[in-house]
Amino acid sequence: MLIAMKTMTTKEIESIEKKIAKKREALQTIGAMRPGSITRQFRDRKNGTGEYYQLSYTNHMKSRTEHVWPEHVDLLSKEITAYRKHKKLCEEIVDLSIELSKAKIALLREHSKS
C-alpha cells in the first residue's frame, strides 16, 4: 500500500509540473499589456453630451487617471485584457506551485518514514 501511495504522489507531482509548464507557455504568448479600466464619461451628464474616455489604473501603489482618445480605446482595451490574462495566469501558477510544494513535502515524508 505504501508503494501505491508513493506512485500516486509522484504522478501527482508530474501532473502539477505539466500544468505549471503549460501556464508558463501561455504567459509567453501575451503581448503588450497595462492595468486599468476604461470608462466613458460625459462633460454634461444630464444631457449625455461631450463624450470622452478615461483610463484609470494603479501602479506602484499610485492611482492614475489618463485621458484616452476615442481612436485608442480598442488598443487599450486589448492591452487591459492581456494584463488581466497575465494576472490570472500568474495567480494560477502560484496556486499550482503551492500545491506542488505540498505534494513534494508529502513525498519526502513518505520517504523518511521508510
C-alpha atoms as a PDB file:
ATOM      1  CA  MET A   1       0.000   0.000   0.000  1.00  0.00           C
ATOM      2  CA  LEU A   2       2.876   2.396   0.693  1.00  0.00           C
ATOM      3  CA  ILE A   3       4.211   1.847  -2.826  1.00  0.00           C
ATOM      4  CA  ALA A   4       0.862   2.815  -4.372  1.00  0.00           C
ATOM      5  CA  MET A   5       0.799   5.964  -2.251  1.00  0.00           C
ATOM      6  CA  LYS A   6       4.309   6.991  -3.384  1.00  0.00           C
ATOM      7  CA  THR A   7       3.442   6.353  -7.038  1.00  0.00           C
ATOM      8  CA  MET A   8       0.272   8.403  -6.746  1.00  0.00           C
ATOM      9  CA  THR A   9       2.184  11.282  -5.192  1.00  0.00           C
ATOM     10  CA  THR A  10       4.880  11.087  -7.888  1.00  0.00           C
ATOM     11  CA  LYS A  11       2.232  11.095 -10.613  1.00  0.00           C
ATOM     12  CA  GLU A  12       0.511  13.998  -8.897  1.00  0.00           C
ATOM     13  CA  ILE A  13       3.786  15.942  -8.842  1.00  0.00           C
ATOM     14  CA  GLU A  14       4.376  15.264 -12.546  1.00  0.00           C
ATOM     15  CA  SER A  15       0.821  16.331 -13.355  1.00  0.00           C
ATOM     16  CA  ILE A  16       1.175  19.599 -11.452  1.00  0.00           C
ATOM     17  CA  GLU A  17       4.553  20.303 -13.080  1.00  0.00           C
ATOM     18  CA  LYS A  18       2.980  19.817 -16.533  1.00  0.00           C
ATOM     19  CA  LYS A  19       0.159  22.223 -15.645  1.00  0.00           C
ATOM     20  CA  ILE A  20       2.673  24.835 -14.490  1.00  0.00           C
ATOM     21  CA  ALA A  21       4.681  24.416 -17.704  1.00  0.00           C
ATOM     22  CA  LYS A  22       1.530  24.977 -19.808  1.00  0.00           C
ATOM     23  CA  LYS A  23       0.666  28.127 -17.843  1.00  0.00           C
ATOM     24  CA  ARG A  24       4.219  29.439 -18.325  1.00  0.00           C
ATOM     25  CA  GLU A  25       3.970  28.795 -22.065  1.00  0.00           C
ATOM     26  CA  ALA A  26       0.695  30.724 -22.138  1.00  0.00           C
ATOM     27  CA  LEU A  27       2.406  33.632 -20.359  1.00  0.00           C
ATOM     28  CA  GLN A  28       4.966  33.861 -23.152  1.00  0.00           C
ATOM     29  CA  THR A  29       2.251  34.494 -25.747  1.00  0.00           C
ATOM     30  CA  ILE A  30       0.903  37.590 -24.012  1.00  0.00           C
ATOM     31  CA  GLY A  31       1.906  40.790 -25.768  1.00  0.00           C
ATOM     32  CA  ALA A  32       1.679  44.402 -24.659  1.00  0.00           C
ATOM     33  CA  MET A  33      -0.358  44.932 -21.534  1.00  0.00           C
ATOM     34  CA  ARG A  34      -1.315  47.507 -18.983  1.00  0.00           C
ATOM     35  CA  PRO A  35      -3.523  47.579 -15.902  1.00  0.00           C
ATOM     36  CA  GLY A  36      -6.690  49.568 -15.532  1.00  0.00           C
ATOM     37  CA  SER A  37     -10.124  50.117 -16.884  1.00  0.00           C
ATOM     38  CA  ILE A  38     -11.576  52.458 -19.460  1.00  0.00           C
ATOM     39  CA  THR A  39     -14.740  54.390 -18.757  1.00  0.00           C
ATOM     40  CA  ARG A  40     -16.827  56.615 -20.965  1.00  0.00           C
ATOM     41  CA  GLN A  41     -17.522  59.990 -19.399  1.00  0.00           C
ATOM     42  CA  PHE A  42     -19.670  62.969 -20.368  1.00  0.00           C
ATOM     43  CA  ARG A  43     -18.904  66.608 -19.826  1.00  0.00           C
ATOM     44  CA  ASP A  44     -22.649  67.188 -19.499  1.00  0.00           C
ATOM     45  CA  ARG A  45     -24.016  64.056 -17.826  1.00  0.00           C
ATOM     46  CA  LYS A  46     -27.540  65.407 -17.678  1.00  0.00           C
ATOM     47  CA  ASN A  47     -27.807  65.692 -21.475  1.00  0.00           C
ATOM     48  CA  GLY A  48     -25.264  62.971 -22.326  1.00  0.00           C
ATOM     49  CA  THR A  49     -23.097  65.265 -24.420  1.00  0.00           C
ATOM     50  CA  GLY A  50     -19.368  65.893 -24.587  1.00  0.00           C
ATOM     51  CA  GLU A  51     -18.337  62.242 -24.567  1.00  0.00           C
ATOM     52  CA  TYR A  52     -14.740  61.347 -23.667  1.00  0.00           C
ATOM     53  CA  TYR A  53     -12.842  58.358 -22.275  1.00  0.00           C
ATOM     54  CA  GLN A  54     -10.666  57.886 -19.213  1.00  0.00           C
ATOM     55  CA  LEU A  55      -8.169  55.199 -18.294  1.00  0.00           C
ATOM     56  CA  SER A  56      -7.894  54.613 -14.543  1.00  0.00           C
ATOM     57  CA  TYR A  57      -5.250  52.377 -13.022  1.00  0.00           C
ATOM     58  CA  THR A  58      -2.999  51.870 -10.023  1.00  0.00           C
ATOM     59  CA  ASN A  59       0.702  51.221 -10.434  1.00  0.00           C
ATOM     60  CA  HIS A  60       3.333  51.187  -7.678  1.00  0.00           C
ATOM     61  CA  MET A  61       0.564  51.992  -5.202  1.00  0.00           C
ATOM     62  CA  LYS A  62      -0.278  55.242  -7.007  1.00  0.00           C
ATOM     63  CA  SER A  63      -3.637  55.832  -8.606  1.00  0.00           C
ATOM     64  CA  ARG A  64      -3.660  57.457 -12.021  1.00  0.00           C
ATOM     65  CA  THR A  65      -6.247  58.696 -14.485  1.00  0.00           C
ATOM     66  CA  GLU A  66      -5.439  59.498 -18.094  1.00  0.00           C
ATOM     67  CA  HIS A  67      -7.417  60.908 -20.980  1.00  0.00           C
ATOM     68  CA  VAL A  68      -7.925  58.442 -23.844  1.00  0.00           C
ATOM     69  CA  TRP A  69      -8.673  59.440 -27.417  1.00  0.00           C
ATOM     70  CA  PRO A  70     -11.619  57.508 -28.903  1.00  0.00           C
ATOM     71  CA  GLU A  71      -9.408  56.004 -31.630  1.00  0.00           C
ATOM     72  CA  HIS A  72      -7.160  54.437 -28.934  1.00  0.00           C
ATOM     73  CA  VAL A  73      -9.918  52.746 -26.910  1.00  0.00           C
ATOM     74  CA  ASP A  74      -9.736  49.440 -28.815  1.00  0.00           C
ATOM     75  CA  LEU A  75      -5.953  49.180 -28.487  1.00  0.00           C
ATOM     76  CA  LEU A  76      -6.026  49.962 -24.773  1.00  0.00           C
ATOM     77  CA  SER A  77      -8.890  47.523 -24.214  1.00  0.00           C
ATOM     78  CA  LYS A  78      -6.784  44.731 -25.740  1.00  0.00           C
ATOM     79  CA  GLU A  79      -3.827  45.669 -23.541  1.00  0.00           C
ATOM     80  CA  ILE A  80      -6.043  45.681 -20.435  1.00  0.00           C
ATOM     81  CA  THR A  81      -7.440  42.261 -21.386  1.00  0.00           C
ATOM     82  CA  ALA A  82      -3.871  40.971 -21.837  1.00  0.00           C
ATOM     83  CA  TYR A  83      -2.936  42.319 -18.391  1.00  0.00           C
ATOM     84  CA  ARG A  84      -5.904  40.578 -16.776  1.00  0.00           C
ATOM     85  CA  LYS A  85      -4.987  37.322 -18.519  1.00  0.00           C
ATOM     86  CA  HIS A  86      -1.376  37.704 -17.319  1.00  0.00           C
ATOM     87  CA  LYS A  87      -2.509  38.357 -13.763  1.00  0.00           C
ATOM     88  CA  LYS A  88      -4.863  35.350 -13.793  1.00  0.00           C
ATOM     89  CA  LEU A  89      -2.165  33.031 -15.162  1.00  0.00           C
ATOM     90  CA  CYS A  90       0.312  34.232 -12.521  1.00  0.00           C
ATOM     91  CA  GLU A  91      -2.219  33.570  -9.760  1.00  0.00           C
ATOM     92  CA  GLU A  92      -2.878  30.091 -11.161  1.00  0.00           C
ATOM     93  CA  ILE A  93       0.867  29.363 -11.292  1.00  0.00           C
ATOM     94  CA  VAL A  94       1.245  30.418  -7.658  1.00  0.00           C
ATOM     95  CA  ASP A  95      -1.698  28.217  -6.638  1.00  0.00           C
ATOM     96  CA  LEU A  96      -0.249  25.250  -8.532  1.00  0.00           C
ATOM     97  CA  SER A  97       3.199  25.920  -7.061  1.00  0.00           C
ATOM     98  CA  ILE A  98       1.773  25.770  -3.543  1.00  0.00           C
ATOM     99  CA  GLU A  99       0.046  22.507  -4.417  1.00  0.00           C
ATOM    100  CA  LEU A 100       3.323  21.190  -5.900  1.00  0.00           C
ATOM    101  CA  SER A 101       5.249  22.128  -2.781  1.00  0.00           C
ATOM    102  CA  LYS A 102       2.741  20.308  -0.570  1.00  0.00           C
ATOM    103  CA  ALA A 103       2.926  17.204  -2.782  1.00  0.00           C
ATOM    104  CA  LYS A 104       6.736  17.207  -2.676  1.00  0.00           C
ATOM    105  CA  ILE A 105       6.721  17.556   1.111  1.00  0.00           C
ATOM    106  CA  ALA A 106       4.250  14.654   1.378  1.00  0.00           C
ATOM    107  CA  LEU A 107       6.549  12.548  -0.799  1.00  0.00           C
ATOM    108  CA  LEU A 108       9.581  13.458   1.343  1.00  0.00           C
ATOM    109  CA  ARG A 109       7.660  12.490   4.475  1.00  0.00           C
ATOM    110  CA  GLU A 110       6.786   9.142   2.952  1.00  0.00           C
ATOM    111  CA  HIS A 111      10.446   8.511   2.062  1.00  0.00           C
ATOM    112  CA  SER A 112      11.611   9.449   5.566  1.00  0.00           C
ATOM    113  CA  LYS A 113       9.143   7.001   7.160  1.00  0.00           C
ATOM    114  CA  SER A 114      10.547   4.090   5.142  1.00  0.00           C
END
